Amino acid sequence: MRRLTIGWLYPRLMGTYGDRGNITTLVNRARWRGIQVEVQQIELGTSERAISGCHLLFMGGAQDREQKIAAVDLRLRKGPALRAAVADGVPALFVCAAYQFMGHYYRPAEGPDLKGVGLFDLVTHHPGVHVPRCIGNIALELSPGLAAWEMPTLVGFENHGGRTYLGSKSSPLGSVLAGYGNNGVDRTEGAVVNNAYGCYLHGPVLPKNPHFADHLLRLALVHSAQEASLAPLDDELEWQAHAAALRRAGVREPQPAAEPEMEPRRGLADILPWPGRPRERERGKVAS
């Protein structure tokens, strides 16, 4: 049986904006294909050695107080292990504040700079508390090197005050079709280095972008020298959500590539808890 370990960095600190849904999506999309998944929660007190045992890494967003706590731990303890993992090709997804931390530094509206991990060649500046935040639905077209994915667009919801500027060693995840993106000026969104992806897409991003989730899973399987084929799933609901997000953003929806015969699976209730149904933690879907 194929097995994957997903490392979830700072779930208690860096999970303010519903980013737990990204972990839930990865876990379920793997298990529906018969892949055994363990979620390793990597907290402040967790040894940085835990990172080396992960096949896929994820870190979400948070507010300023939590960001500062996580930034210290990243700088003093876990940063070198993260850089080593990404350099080795481990796939990773960093959203919003996590994305900012993976650059060289984040300059807040007030106070000193927060030194970053340096995974991505980028810097982030907050223009000030009186400058409007970048808030709203966002849609982007994937960069040419990523256009072979099943769908050429990504959708999400952005809410960030910082403006991120890429250096020459980082490529954008995509170009903005609607919304602000990295800084609201150059029409770029996100960054890519090796198999690591950073972006401002909340929502959470993966439930409405199943092609992105499957891409990360394939990368994790390839890197761990396991069979990387993924049986197609019935993603009708996911693509409906994707199309609805495009319409909300005022973007014409492209057509996904044709798929082979799809395997049956459980419904959307296994991705995100619905009222009246047992939650994922109670059902043992995600390790606590």
Foldseek 3Di string as FASTA:
>chain_A
DAEFEEEEEACPLFCPQPLVLLVLLLLVLQVQQVYHYAYHYHHLPRALVVLVVGLEYETHHHDDVSLLVVLVSCVPGNLVSVLVCVVLQRAYEYADSRLQQCEQWEAEQDDHIRGHSHNFDKHKYQPHPPDDWFWDKWKWFADPVPCPFQFRMFIAIATGRIAMDHDPQWDARGFTPFTQARHNPPRGFWTDDRNYTYGRGPNDGCLLPVSVSLVSQLSSCVSVVHDRDRAAAPSPVSPVSNCVSCVRRVHHGDDGDDDPDHDYDDDPCSSAPDPPDDGCVVVVSHDD
